[in-house]
Protein backbone atom coordinates (compact mmCIF):
# COMPACT_ATOMS: atom_id res chain seq x y z
CA MET A 1 22.73 34.03 -12.03
CA SER A 2 24.67 33.18 -8.88
CA PRO A 3 25.72 29.61 -8.07
CA LEU A 4 23.46 29.72 -5.00
CA ARG A 5 20.39 30.64 -7.08
CA LEU A 6 21.25 27.87 -9.54
CA ALA A 7 21.46 25.42 -6.64
CA TYR A 8 18.02 26.53 -5.37
CA LEU A 9 16.57 26.15 -8.86
CA ALA A 10 18.12 22.70 -9.28
CA LEU A 11 16.76 21.61 -5.89
CA ALA A 12 13.29 22.92 -6.77
CA LEU A 13 13.31 20.94 -10.01
CA TRP A 14 14.61 17.83 -8.27
CA GLY A 15 12.03 18.33 -5.50
CA ALA A 16 9.29 18.46 -8.13
CA ILE A 17 10.39 15.57 -10.32
CA HIS A 18 11.78 12.96 -7.93
CA PRO A 19 8.88 12.72 -5.45
CA MET A 20 6.34 12.94 -8.29
CA TYR A 21 8.00 9.93 -9.94
CA TRP A 22 7.35 7.86 -6.80
CA PHE A 23 3.81 9.16 -6.34
CA LEU A 24 2.89 8.33 -9.94
CA ARG A 25 4.60 4.95 -9.71
CA HIS A 26 2.59 4.09 -6.60
CA MET A 27 -0.69 5.17 -8.21
CA ARG A 28 0.09 3.21 -11.38
CA GLU A 29 1.08 0.04 -9.47
CA THR A 30 -1.93 0.07 -7.15
CA GLY A 31 -4.43 1.52 -9.60
CA SER A 32 -5.95 3.43 -6.73
CA GLY A 33 -5.34 6.97 -7.90
CA LEU A 34 -4.93 9.97 -5.65
CA SER A 35 -7.26 8.64 -2.93
CA GLY A 36 -5.13 5.50 -2.66
CA LEU A 37 -1.99 7.58 -2.41
CA ILE A 38 -3.48 9.65 0.39
CA ASP A 39 -4.61 6.46 2.17
CA ALA A 40 -1.01 5.19 1.96
CA TRP A 41 0.19 8.27 3.85
CA TYR A 42 -1.66 6.95 6.91
CA VAL A 43 -0.96 3.22 6.58
CA ASN A 44 1.16 3.07 9.76
CA ALA A 45 2.52 5.26 12.55
CA SER A 46 5.74 6.00 10.67
CA THR A 47 4.09 7.30 7.51
CA THR A 48 1.46 9.17 9.53
CA GLY A 49 4.22 10.91 11.52
CA LEU A 50 6.06 11.82 8.33
CA THR A 51 2.85 13.11 6.76
CA TRP A 52 2.18 15.38 9.74
CA ASP A 53 5.82 16.48 9.84
CA LEU A 54 5.65 17.61 6.22
CA THR A 55 2.22 19.18 6.69
CA ILE A 56 3.44 21.28 9.61
CA ALA A 57 6.54 22.28 7.63
CA ALA A 58 4.34 23.27 4.67
CA VAL A 59 2.14 25.45 6.89
CA ALA A 60 5.19 27.11 8.48
CA LEU A 61 6.69 27.74 5.04
CA THR A 62 3.40 29.23 3.85
CA LEU A 63 3.26 31.61 6.81
CA TRP A 64 6.86 32.66 6.14
CA ILE A 65 6.17 33.21 2.44
CA LEU A 66 3.09 35.31 3.21
CA ALA A 67 4.90 37.41 5.81
CA GLU A 68 7.96 38.00 3.63
CA THR A 69 5.90 38.71 0.51
CA ARG A 70 3.93 41.34 2.37
CA VAL A 71 7.14 43.11 3.44
CA ARG A 72 9.21 42.61 0.27
CA ARG A 73 6.34 43.02 -2.23
CA ASN A 74 7.73 40.11 -4.26
CA TRP A 75 4.35 38.84 -5.44
CA ARG A 76 5.86 36.25 -7.82
CA ALA A 77 7.12 34.37 -4.78
CA LEU A 78 3.53 33.43 -3.91
CA ILE A 79 3.74 30.72 -6.60
CA ALA A 80 5.76 28.70 -4.06
CA ILE A 81 2.60 28.18 -1.96
CA PRO A 82 0.68 26.05 -4.47
CA ALA A 83 3.96 24.33 -5.38
CA THR A 84 4.35 23.39 -1.72
CA PHE A 85 0.85 21.93 -1.33
CA CYS A 86 0.49 20.39 -4.81
CA ILE A 87 4.02 18.96 -5.11
CA GLY A 88 5.66 19.17 -1.70
CA VAL A 89 7.97 21.06 0.60
CA SER A 90 10.90 19.59 -1.34
CA CYS A 91 9.83 21.76 -4.28
CA GLY A 92 8.18 24.72 -2.54
CA LEU A 93 11.03 25.67 -0.21
CA PRO A 94 13.86 25.77 -2.76
CA LEU A 95 11.51 27.44 -5.26
CA TYR A 96 10.73 30.17 -2.74
CA LEU A 97 14.42 30.62 -1.93
CA PHE A 98 15.17 30.88 -5.66
CA LEU A 99 12.49 33.53 -6.11
CA ARG A 100 13.44 35.34 -2.92
CA THR A 101 17.09 35.71 -3.90
CA ALA A 102 16.28 37.41 -7.21
CA GLN A 103 17.72 40.89 -7.56
CA VAL A 104 15.36 43.63 -6.47
CA ARG A 105 14.59 46.16 -9.19
């Protein structure tokens, strides 16, 4: 495996674990669960802007994944879409790049 692919994989893992740590910590501290976490995304203009920024990036990434998958026929790469929306762009993007840079058979 190339150093670049290892870097993508490491970033995908970091992008899955690090944000999830903070999400779970917030839910545990407030006791509000997922609905409380989502409410916190809109608590002020700054967090609302960041939420929309990441949402737009996630939609753009999804469109790119769908377009590239259709051309390249790399169906495994579609797993990056639920990773993007369930975990975040910080996981979905490097995961897609890791899967995209696999050798074609």
